[in-house]
Amino acid sequence: MTTPGGNEPQTLRDAHAVASARRPKPGANLTAWLKFHQANARMYQAVSDVDRWHHHELKYWVGYELGKAEEVAAQIQKRKSQAS
């Protein structure tokens, strides 16, 4: 899981391990979950350029994480609207 520039995931398996390790704790606030899903989308996108064998599966995970980020952002917006 190493690159000349750092310790970034290079495979789908590596990316899943990183995502699992940085998953927010149960009960974390919505902002933490939003950042988690956005970071995962960026990570899976970057890995899709390296792990060409799993490129299409990684693209699926990019879409999945972006969808989850949109859901969480909508929840945040809804709570803000209800608080007003």
N, C-alpha and C. Protein backbone atom coordinates (compact mmCIF):
# COMPACT_ATOMS: atom_id res chain seq x y z
N MET A 1 0.83 -1.19 0.00
CA MET A 1 0.00 0.00 0.00
C MET A 1 0.87 1.25 0.00
N THR A 2 2.01 1.17 -0.61
CA THR A 2 2.89 2.33 -0.61
C THR A 2 3.10 2.87 -2.01
N THR A 3 3.34 4.14 -2.08
CA THR A 3 3.68 4.82 -3.32
C THR A 3 4.90 5.66 -3.05
N PRO A 4 5.59 6.11 -4.09
CA PRO A 4 6.75 6.97 -3.86
C PRO A 4 6.41 8.23 -3.07
N GLY A 5 5.17 8.74 -3.20
CA GLY A 5 4.81 9.98 -2.54
C GLY A 5 4.13 9.81 -1.19
N GLY A 6 3.93 8.59 -0.75
CA GLY A 6 3.26 8.43 0.53
C GLY A 6 2.73 7.04 0.73
N ASN A 7 1.75 6.94 1.59
CA ASN A 7 1.18 5.64 1.95
C ASN A 7 -0.29 5.62 1.56
N GLU A 8 -0.56 5.77 0.28
CA GLU A 8 -1.91 5.82 -0.24
C GLU A 8 -2.34 4.44 -0.72
N PRO A 9 -3.63 4.13 -0.63
CA PRO A 9 -4.09 2.84 -1.12
C PRO A 9 -3.86 2.70 -2.62
N GLN A 10 -3.51 1.48 -3.02
CA GLN A 10 -3.21 1.21 -4.42
C GLN A 10 -4.17 0.21 -5.05
N THR A 11 -4.96 -0.48 -4.22
CA THR A 11 -5.88 -1.48 -4.72
C THR A 11 -7.26 -1.28 -4.08
N LEU A 12 -8.24 -1.95 -4.68
CA LEU A 12 -9.59 -1.93 -4.11
C LEU A 12 -9.58 -2.44 -2.67
N ARG A 13 -8.85 -3.51 -2.44
CA ARG A 13 -8.76 -4.07 -1.08
C ARG A 13 -8.17 -3.05 -0.11
N ASP A 14 -7.09 -2.38 -0.52
CA ASP A 14 -6.48 -1.34 0.31
C ASP A 14 -7.49 -0.23 0.62
N ALA A 15 -8.22 0.19 -0.41
CA ALA A 15 -9.18 1.29 -0.24
C ALA A 15 -10.28 0.89 0.74
N HIS A 16 -10.77 -0.34 0.63
CA HIS A 16 -11.79 -0.81 1.58
C HIS A 16 -11.23 -0.82 3.01
N ALA A 17 -9.98 -1.22 3.16
CA ALA A 17 -9.37 -1.25 4.49
C ALA A 17 -9.26 0.16 5.07
N VAL A 18 -8.86 1.12 4.24
CA VAL A 18 -8.75 2.51 4.70
C VAL A 18 -10.13 3.04 5.08
N ALA A 19 -11.13 2.79 4.25
CA ALA A 19 -12.49 3.27 4.53
C ALA A 19 -13.00 2.67 5.83
N SER A 20 -12.76 1.40 6.03
CA SER A 20 -13.20 0.73 7.25
C SER A 20 -12.51 1.32 8.49
N ALA A 21 -11.22 1.59 8.37
CA ALA A 21 -10.45 2.10 9.50
C ALA A 21 -10.85 3.51 9.90
N ARG A 22 -11.30 4.31 8.96
CA ARG A 22 -11.63 5.70 9.29
C ARG A 22 -13.13 5.95 9.45
N ARG A 23 -13.89 4.87 9.45
CA ARG A 23 -15.34 4.99 9.62
C ARG A 23 -15.66 5.67 10.95
N PRO A 24 -16.55 6.65 10.94
CA PRO A 24 -16.91 7.32 12.19
C PRO A 24 -17.55 6.35 13.19
N LYS A 25 -17.42 6.66 14.44
CA LYS A 25 -18.01 5.84 15.50
C LYS A 25 -19.53 5.94 15.43
N PRO A 26 -20.23 4.91 15.89
CA PRO A 26 -21.70 5.01 15.96
C PRO A 26 -22.10 6.24 16.77
N GLY A 27 -23.08 6.94 16.29
CA GLY A 27 -23.53 8.14 16.98
C GLY A 27 -22.79 9.40 16.59
N ALA A 28 -21.85 9.28 15.65
CA ALA A 28 -21.11 10.47 15.19
C ALA A 28 -22.09 11.43 14.52
N ASN A 29 -21.75 12.71 14.54
CA ASN A 29 -22.66 13.70 13.95
C ASN A 29 -22.66 13.60 12.43
N LEU A 30 -23.67 14.21 11.83
CA LEU A 30 -23.83 14.12 10.38
C LEU A 30 -22.67 14.74 9.61
N THR A 31 -22.06 15.77 10.16
CA THR A 31 -20.93 16.39 9.48
C THR A 31 -19.76 15.41 9.36
N ALA A 32 -19.53 14.62 10.39
CA ALA A 32 -18.47 13.61 10.34
C ALA A 32 -18.78 12.57 9.26
N TRP A 33 -20.04 12.18 9.15
CA TRP A 33 -20.43 11.20 8.14
C TRP A 33 -20.31 11.79 6.73
N LEU A 34 -20.66 13.05 6.59
CA LEU A 34 -20.54 13.70 5.29
C LEU A 34 -19.08 13.73 4.85
N LYS A 35 -18.19 14.14 5.74
CA LYS A 35 -16.77 14.18 5.42
C LYS A 35 -16.23 12.78 5.10
N PHE A 36 -16.70 11.78 5.83
CA PHE A 36 -16.29 10.40 5.60
C PHE A 36 -16.65 9.95 4.19
N HIS A 37 -17.89 10.17 3.79
CA HIS A 37 -18.33 9.73 2.47
C HIS A 37 -17.64 10.52 1.35
N GLN A 38 -17.45 11.80 1.55
CA GLN A 38 -16.75 12.62 0.54
C GLN A 38 -15.30 12.17 0.38
N ALA A 39 -14.63 11.91 1.50
CA ALA A 39 -13.23 11.45 1.45
C ALA A 39 -13.14 10.08 0.78
N ASN A 40 -14.09 9.21 1.07
CA ASN A 40 -14.09 7.89 0.44
C ASN A 40 -14.27 8.01 -1.06
N ALA A 41 -15.17 8.88 -1.50
CA ALA A 41 -15.38 9.06 -2.94
C ALA A 41 -14.09 9.52 -3.62
N ARG A 42 -13.40 10.46 -3.00
CA ARG A 42 -12.14 10.94 -3.57
C ARG A 42 -11.10 9.82 -3.61
N MET A 43 -11.04 9.04 -2.53
CA MET A 43 -10.07 7.96 -2.45
C MET A 43 -10.35 6.89 -3.51
N TYR A 44 -11.59 6.45 -3.62
CA TYR A 44 -11.93 5.43 -4.61
C TYR A 44 -11.66 5.94 -6.03
N GLN A 45 -11.90 7.22 -6.27
CA GLN A 45 -11.61 7.80 -7.58
C GLN A 45 -10.11 7.72 -7.88
N ALA A 46 -9.30 8.09 -6.90
CA ALA A 46 -7.84 8.06 -7.09
C ALA A 46 -7.36 6.63 -7.32
N VAL A 47 -7.89 5.69 -6.56
CA VAL A 47 -7.46 4.30 -6.69
C VAL A 47 -7.91 3.72 -8.03
N SER A 48 -9.04 4.19 -8.56
CA SER A 48 -9.51 3.67 -9.85
C SER A 48 -8.53 3.98 -10.98
N ASP A 49 -7.72 5.00 -10.80
CA ASP A 49 -6.70 5.34 -11.81
C ASP A 49 -5.46 4.46 -11.69
N VAL A 50 -5.30 3.79 -10.55
CA VAL A 50 -4.12 2.97 -10.29
C VAL A 50 -4.44 1.48 -10.45
N ASP A 51 -5.51 1.04 -9.82
CA ASP A 51 -5.90 -0.38 -9.86
C ASP A 51 -6.83 -0.60 -11.05
N ARG A 52 -6.24 -0.69 -12.22
CA ARG A 52 -7.03 -0.80 -13.45
C ARG A 52 -7.80 -2.11 -13.52
N TRP A 53 -7.35 -3.14 -12.83
CA TRP A 53 -8.04 -4.42 -12.83
C TRP A 53 -9.42 -4.29 -12.20
N HIS A 54 -9.56 -3.40 -11.21
CA HIS A 54 -10.83 -3.19 -10.51
C HIS A 54 -11.45 -1.83 -10.82
N HIS A 55 -11.07 -1.25 -11.94
CA HIS A 55 -11.50 0.10 -12.29
C HIS A 55 -13.02 0.28 -12.22
N HIS A 56 -13.77 -0.62 -12.83
CA HIS A 56 -15.22 -0.46 -12.87
C HIS A 56 -15.86 -0.65 -11.49
N GLU A 57 -15.35 -1.56 -10.71
CA GLU A 57 -15.86 -1.74 -9.36
C GLU A 57 -15.55 -0.52 -8.50
N LEU A 58 -14.37 0.04 -8.67
CA LEU A 58 -14.02 1.26 -7.94
C LEU A 58 -14.92 2.41 -8.35
N LYS A 59 -15.26 2.50 -9.63
CA LYS A 59 -16.19 3.55 -10.09
C LYS A 59 -17.56 3.38 -9.43
N TYR A 60 -17.98 2.12 -9.25
CA TYR A 60 -19.22 1.88 -8.51
C TYR A 60 -19.13 2.49 -7.12
N TRP A 61 -18.02 2.25 -6.43
CA TRP A 61 -17.85 2.75 -5.06
C TRP A 61 -17.78 4.28 -5.03
N VAL A 62 -17.22 4.89 -6.06
CA VAL A 62 -17.24 6.36 -6.14
C VAL A 62 -18.69 6.83 -6.15
N GLY A 63 -19.50 6.24 -7.03
CA GLY A 63 -20.92 6.61 -7.11
C GLY A 63 -21.67 6.34 -5.83
N TYR A 64 -21.39 5.21 -5.21
CA TYR A 64 -22.05 4.86 -3.95
C TYR A 64 -21.75 5.90 -2.88
N GLU A 65 -20.48 6.23 -2.72
CA GLU A 65 -20.08 7.19 -1.69
C GLU A 65 -20.62 8.59 -1.99
N LEU A 66 -20.65 8.98 -3.25
CA LEU A 66 -21.23 10.29 -3.59
C LEU A 66 -22.72 10.31 -3.28
N GLY A 67 -23.40 9.20 -3.56
CA GLY A 67 -24.82 9.11 -3.23
C GLY A 67 -25.06 9.21 -1.74
N LYS A 68 -24.26 8.51 -0.95
CA LYS A 68 -24.38 8.59 0.51
C LYS A 68 -24.09 10.01 1.00
N ALA A 69 -23.10 10.66 0.41
CA ALA A 69 -22.78 12.04 0.79
C ALA A 69 -23.96 12.96 0.50
N GLU A 70 -24.62 12.76 -0.63
CA GLU A 70 -25.80 13.57 -0.97
C GLU A 70 -26.93 13.34 0.03
N GLU A 71 -27.14 12.08 0.43
CA GLU A 71 -28.18 11.77 1.41
C GLU A 71 -27.90 12.47 2.74
N VAL A 72 -26.65 12.40 3.19
CA VAL A 72 -26.28 13.03 4.47
C VAL A 72 -26.41 14.55 4.36
N ALA A 73 -25.98 15.11 3.24
CA ALA A 73 -26.09 16.57 3.05
C ALA A 73 -27.56 16.99 3.09
N ALA A 74 -28.45 16.18 2.52
CA ALA A 74 -29.88 16.49 2.55
C ALA A 74 -30.41 16.43 3.99
N GLN A 75 -29.93 15.47 4.75
CA GLN A 75 -30.34 15.37 6.16
C GLN A 75 -29.88 16.60 6.94
N ILE A 76 -28.66 17.03 6.68
CA ILE A 76 -28.13 18.22 7.36
C ILE A 76 -28.98 19.43 7.00
N GLN A 77 -29.28 19.59 5.72
CA GLN A 77 -30.09 20.72 5.26
C GLN A 77 -31.48 20.67 5.89
N LYS A 78 -32.06 19.49 5.97
CA LYS A 78 -33.41 19.35 6.55
C LYS A 78 -33.39 19.76 8.02
N ARG A 79 -32.37 19.34 8.74
CA ARG A 79 -32.27 19.71 10.16
C ARG A 79 -32.09 21.21 10.33
N LYS A 80 -31.31 21.81 9.44
CA LYS A 80 -31.12 23.26 9.51
C LYS A 80 -32.45 23.98 9.25
N SER A 81 -33.20 23.49 8.28
CA SER A 81 -34.49 24.10 7.95
C SER A 81 -35.49 23.96 9.10
N GLN A 82 -35.48 22.81 9.76
CA GLN A 82 -36.38 22.59 10.88
C GLN A 82 -36.01 23.44 12.08
N ALA A 83 -34.72 23.75 12.23
CA ALA A 83 -34.27 24.55 13.36
C ALA A 83 -34.59 26.02 13.19
N SER A 84 -34.85 26.43 11.96
CA SER A 84 -35.10 27.85 11.69
C SER A 84 -36.50 28.27 12.07
